[in-house]
Amino acid sequence: MNQKGMIIPILASIGVGAATYYGMRRNGNMHPIATVTSALRNQMMKTN
């Protein structure tokens, strides 16, 4: 995979990580796995 092909997955993973971090901060005591699941579900809904 060339460098241009690497940029998109890296940006996507950073975006998911940032969304997860924000979700965990906002929800406070929510379980991290549930936060990741809800963040991914929200992201899937936005793309469809």
PDB file of N, CA and C in Angstrom:
ATOM      1  N   MET A   1       0.854  -1.189   0.000  1.00  0.00           N
ATOM      2  CA  MET A   1       0.000   0.000   0.000  1.00  0.00           C
ATOM      3  C   MET A   1       0.895   1.247   0.000  1.00  0.00           C
ATOM      4  N   ASN A   2       0.614   2.178  -0.905  1.00  0.00           N
ATOM      5  CA  ASN A   2       1.435   3.391  -0.955  1.00  0.00           C
ATOM      6  C   ASN A   2       1.017   4.388   0.117  1.00  0.00           C
ATOM      7  N   GLN A   3       1.762   5.473   0.231  1.00  0.00           N
ATOM      8  CA  GLN A   3       1.490   6.429   1.310  1.00  0.00           C
ATOM      9  C   GLN A   3       0.142   7.108   1.148  1.00  0.00           C
ATOM     10  N   LYS A   4      -0.269   7.408  -0.085  1.00  0.00           N
ATOM     11  CA  LYS A   4      -1.574   8.040  -0.278  1.00  0.00           C
ATOM     12  C   LYS A   4      -2.697   7.111   0.178  1.00  0.00           C
ATOM     13  N   GLY A   5      -2.529   5.823  -0.047  1.00  0.00           N
ATOM     14  CA  GLY A   5      -3.521   4.855   0.387  1.00  0.00           C
ATOM     15  C   GLY A   5      -3.563   4.673   1.892  1.00  0.00           C
ATOM     16  N   MET A   6      -2.482   5.023   2.563  1.00  0.00           N
ATOM     17  CA  MET A   6      -2.416   4.880   4.023  1.00  0.00           C
ATOM     18  C   MET A   6      -3.099   6.033   4.749  1.00  0.00           C
ATOM     19  N   ILE A   7      -3.196   7.190   4.102  1.00  0.00           N
ATOM     20  CA  ILE A   7      -3.692   8.387   4.790  1.00  0.00           C
ATOM     21  C   ILE A   7      -5.152   8.230   5.209  1.00  0.00           C
ATOM     22  N   ILE A   8      -5.990   7.713   4.328  1.00  0.00           N
ATOM     23  CA  ILE A   8      -7.426   7.611   4.628  1.00  0.00           C
ATOM     24  C   ILE A   8      -7.692   6.705   5.834  1.00  0.00           C
ATOM     25  N   PRO A   9      -7.160   5.474   5.881  1.00  0.00           N
ATOM     26  CA  PRO A   9      -7.403   4.637   7.075  1.00  0.00           C
ATOM     27  C   PRO A   9      -6.874   5.257   8.362  1.00  0.00           C
ATOM     28  N   ILE A  10      -5.742   5.947   8.278  1.00  0.00           N
ATOM     29  CA  ILE A  10      -5.193   6.584   9.482  1.00  0.00           C
ATOM     30  C   ILE A  10      -6.122   7.690   9.957  1.00  0.00           C
ATOM     31  N   LEU A  11      -6.582   8.538   9.036  1.00  0.00           N
ATOM     32  CA  LEU A  11      -7.515   9.605   9.415  1.00  0.00           C
ATOM     33  C   LEU A  11      -8.815   9.028   9.962  1.00  0.00           C
ATOM     34  N   ALA A  12      -9.293   7.947   9.358  1.00  0.00           N
ATOM     35  CA  ALA A  12     -10.529   7.322   9.834  1.00  0.00           C
ATOM     36  C   ALA A  12     -10.352   6.783  11.252  1.00  0.00           C
ATOM     37  N   SER A  13      -9.226   6.133  11.520  1.00  0.00           N
ATOM     38  CA  SER A  13      -9.006   5.583  12.860  1.00  0.00           C
ATOM     39  C   SER A  13      -8.839   6.694  13.893  1.00  0.00           C
ATOM     40  N   ILE A  14      -8.204   7.798  13.500  1.00  0.00           N
ATOM     41  CA  ILE A  14      -8.080   8.934  14.417  1.00  0.00           C
ATOM     42  C   ILE A  14      -9.462   9.504  14.713  1.00  0.00           C
ATOM     43  N   GLY A  15     -10.307   9.594  13.687  1.00  0.00           N
ATOM     44  CA  GLY A  15     -11.667  10.110  13.878  1.00  0.00           C
ATOM     45  C   GLY A  15     -12.475   9.236  14.817  1.00  0.00           C
ATOM     46  N   VAL A  16     -12.382   7.928  14.637  1.00  0.00           N
ATOM     47  CA  VAL A  16     -13.103   7.005  15.518  1.00  0.00           C
ATOM     48  C   VAL A  16     -12.566   7.112  16.941  1.00  0.00           C
ATOM     49  N   GLY A  17     -11.255   7.209  17.091  1.00  0.00           N
ATOM     50  CA  GLY A  17     -10.657   7.350  18.419  1.00  0.00           C
ATOM     51  C   GLY A  17     -11.090   8.632  19.103  1.00  0.00           C
ATOM     52  N   ALA A  18     -11.127   9.725  18.334  1.00  0.00           N
ATOM     53  CA  ALA A  18     -11.555  11.004  18.904  1.00  0.00           C
ATOM     54  C   ALA A  18     -13.024  10.949  19.304  1.00  0.00           C
ATOM     55  N   ALA A  19     -13.852  10.335  18.463  1.00  0.00           N
ATOM     56  CA  ALA A  19     -15.276  10.218  18.784  1.00  0.00           C
ATOM     57  C   ALA A  19     -15.479   9.368  20.032  1.00  0.00           C
ATOM     58  N   THR A  20     -14.714   8.296  20.154  1.00  0.00           N
ATOM     59  CA  THR A  20     -14.803   7.434  21.332  1.00  0.00           C
ATOM     60  C   THR A  20     -14.370   8.177  22.587  1.00  0.00           C
ATOM     61  N   TYR A  21     -13.261   8.904  22.489  1.00  0.00           N
ATOM     62  CA  TYR A  21     -12.764   9.679  23.632  1.00  0.00           C
ATOM     63  C   TYR A  21     -13.791  10.723  24.054  1.00  0.00           C
ATOM     64  N   TYR A  22     -14.337  11.438  23.077  1.00  0.00           N
ATOM     65  CA  TYR A  22     -15.340  12.462  23.380  1.00  0.00           C
ATOM     66  C   TYR A  22     -16.574  11.828  24.020  1.00  0.00           C
ATOM     67  N   GLY A  23     -17.000  10.687  23.472  1.00  0.00           N
ATOM     68  CA  GLY A  23     -18.162  10.000  24.025  1.00  0.00           C
ATOM     69  C   GLY A  23     -17.932   9.540  25.451  1.00  0.00           C
ATOM     70  N   MET A  24     -16.739   9.052  25.734  1.00  0.00           N
ATOM     71  CA  MET A  24     -16.426   8.608  27.094  1.00  0.00           C
ATOM     72  C   MET A  24     -16.384   9.790  28.051  1.00  0.00           C
ATOM     73  N   ARG A  25     -15.822  10.906  27.618  1.00  0.00           N
ATOM     74  CA  ARG A  25     -15.768  12.105  28.467  1.00  0.00           C
ATOM     75  C   ARG A  25     -17.170  12.641  28.735  1.00  0.00           C
ATOM     76  N   ARG A  26     -18.011  12.653  27.695  1.00  0.00           N
ATOM     77  CA  ARG A  26     -19.340  13.237  27.810  1.00  0.00           C
ATOM     78  C   ARG A  26     -20.250  12.367  28.680  1.00  0.00           C
ATOM     79  N   ASN A  27     -20.149  11.049  28.503  1.00  0.00           N
ATOM     80  CA  ASN A  27     -21.050  10.147  29.214  1.00  0.00           C
ATOM     81  C   ASN A  27     -20.554   9.801  30.614  1.00  0.00           C
ATOM     82  N   GLY A  28     -19.318  10.120  30.916  1.00  0.00           N
ATOM     83  CA  GLY A  28     -18.787   9.926  32.254  1.00  0.00           C
ATOM     84  C   GLY A  28     -18.612   8.470  32.631  1.00  0.00           C
ATOM     85  N   ASN A  29     -19.646   7.850  33.179  1.00  0.00           N
ATOM     86  CA  ASN A  29     -19.499   6.512  33.756  1.00  0.00           C
ATOM     87  C   ASN A  29     -19.928   5.392  32.819  1.00  0.00           C
ATOM     88  N   MET A  30     -20.180   5.689  31.559  1.00  0.00           N
ATOM     89  CA  MET A  30     -20.595   4.649  30.619  1.00  0.00           C
ATOM     90  C   MET A  30     -19.426   3.687  30.363  1.00  0.00           C
ATOM     91  N   HIS A  31     -19.742   2.419  30.209  1.00  0.00           N
ATOM     92  CA  HIS A  31     -18.721   1.407  29.970  1.00  0.00           C
ATOM     93  C   HIS A  31     -18.016   1.676  28.636  1.00  0.00           C
ATOM     94  N   PRO A  32     -16.676   1.581  28.595  1.00  0.00           N
ATOM     95  CA  PRO A  32     -15.945   1.900  27.352  1.00  0.00           C
ATOM     96  C   PRO A  32     -16.396   1.104  26.133  1.00  0.00           C
ATOM     97  N   ILE A  33     -16.710  -0.190  26.303  1.00  0.00           N
ATOM     98  CA  ILE A  33     -17.140  -0.999  25.158  1.00  0.00           C
ATOM     99  C   ILE A  33     -18.474  -0.489  24.620  1.00  0.00           C
ATOM    100  N   ALA A  34     -19.381  -0.140  25.527  1.00  0.00           N
ATOM    101  CA  ALA A  34     -20.663   0.413  25.101  1.00  0.00           C
ATOM    102  C   ALA A  34     -20.461   1.746  24.389  1.00  0.00           C
ATOM    103  N   THR A  35     -19.508   2.531  24.837  1.00  0.00           N
ATOM    104  CA  THR A  35     -19.207   3.811  24.194  1.00  0.00           C
ATOM    105  C   THR A  35     -18.686   3.590  22.785  1.00  0.00           C
ATOM    106  N   VAL A  36     -17.781   2.637  22.624  1.00  0.00           N
ATOM    107  CA  VAL A  36     -17.246   2.331  21.295  1.00  0.00           C
ATOM    108  C   VAL A  36     -18.362   1.845  20.386  1.00  0.00           C
ATOM    109  N   THR A  37     -19.210   0.959  20.901  1.00  0.00           N
ATOM    110  CA  THR A  37     -20.307   0.428  20.104  1.00  0.00           C
ATOM    111  C   THR A  37     -21.250   1.535  19.658  1.00  0.00           C
ATOM    112  N   SER A  38     -21.620   2.413  20.576  1.00  0.00           N
ATOM    113  CA  SER A  38     -22.537   3.492  20.211  1.00  0.00           C
ATOM    114  C   SER A  38     -21.874   4.466  19.243  1.00  0.00           C
ATOM    115  N   ALA A  39     -20.583   4.737  19.407  1.00  0.00           N
ATOM    116  CA  ALA A  39     -19.878   5.634  18.488  1.00  0.00           C
ATOM    117  C   ALA A  39     -19.836   5.040  17.086  1.00  0.00           C
ATOM    118  N   LEU A  40     -19.548   3.743  16.994  1.00  0.00           N
ATOM    119  CA  LEU A  40     -19.520   3.097  15.687  1.00  0.00           C
ATOM    120  C   LEU A  40     -20.909   3.053  15.066  1.00  0.00           C
ATOM    121  N   ARG A  41     -21.931   2.794  15.880  1.00  0.00           N
ATOM    122  CA  ARG A  41     -23.300   2.760  15.376  1.00  0.00           C
ATOM    123  C   ARG A  41     -23.699   4.130  14.828  1.00  0.00           C
ATOM    124  N   ASN A  42     -23.349   5.190  15.555  1.00  0.00           N
ATOM    125  CA  ASN A  42     -23.654   6.538  15.092  1.00  0.00           C
ATOM    126  C   ASN A  42     -22.932   6.843  13.789  1.00  0.00           C
ATOM    127  N   GLN A  43     -21.691   6.395  13.673  1.00  0.00           N
ATOM    128  CA  GLN A  43     -20.923   6.654  12.459  1.00  0.00           C
ATOM    129  C   GLN A  43     -21.527   5.898  11.277  1.00  0.00           C
ATOM    130  N   MET A  44     -21.989   4.674  11.512  1.00  0.00           N
ATOM    131  CA  MET A  44     -22.618   3.899  10.443  1.00  0.00           C
ATOM    132  C   MET A  44     -23.896   4.579   9.965  1.00  0.00           C
ATOM    133  N   MET A  45     -24.681   5.114  10.894  1.00  0.00           N
ATOM    134  CA  MET A  45     -25.929   5.779  10.531  1.00  0.00           C
ATOM    135  C   MET A  45     -25.666   7.032   9.700  1.00  0.00           C
ATOM    136  N   LYS A  46     -24.578   7.743   9.998  1.00  0.00           N
ATOM    137  CA  LYS A  46     -24.251   8.958   9.246  1.00  0.00           C
ATOM    138  C   LYS A  46     -23.866   8.636   7.809  1.00  0.00           C
ATOM    139  N   THR A  47     -23.201   7.502   7.589  1.00  0.00           N
ATOM    140  CA  THR A  47     -22.734   7.170   6.246  1.00  0.00           C
ATOM    141  C   THR A  47     -23.837   6.573   5.389  1.00  0.00           C
ATOM    142  N   ASN A  48     -24.856   6.000   5.988  1.00  0.00           N
ATOM    143  CA  ASN A  48     -25.942   5.376   5.203  1.00  0.00           C
ATOM    144  C   ASN A  48     -26.987   6.387   4.807  1.00  0.00           C
TER     145      ASN A  48
END
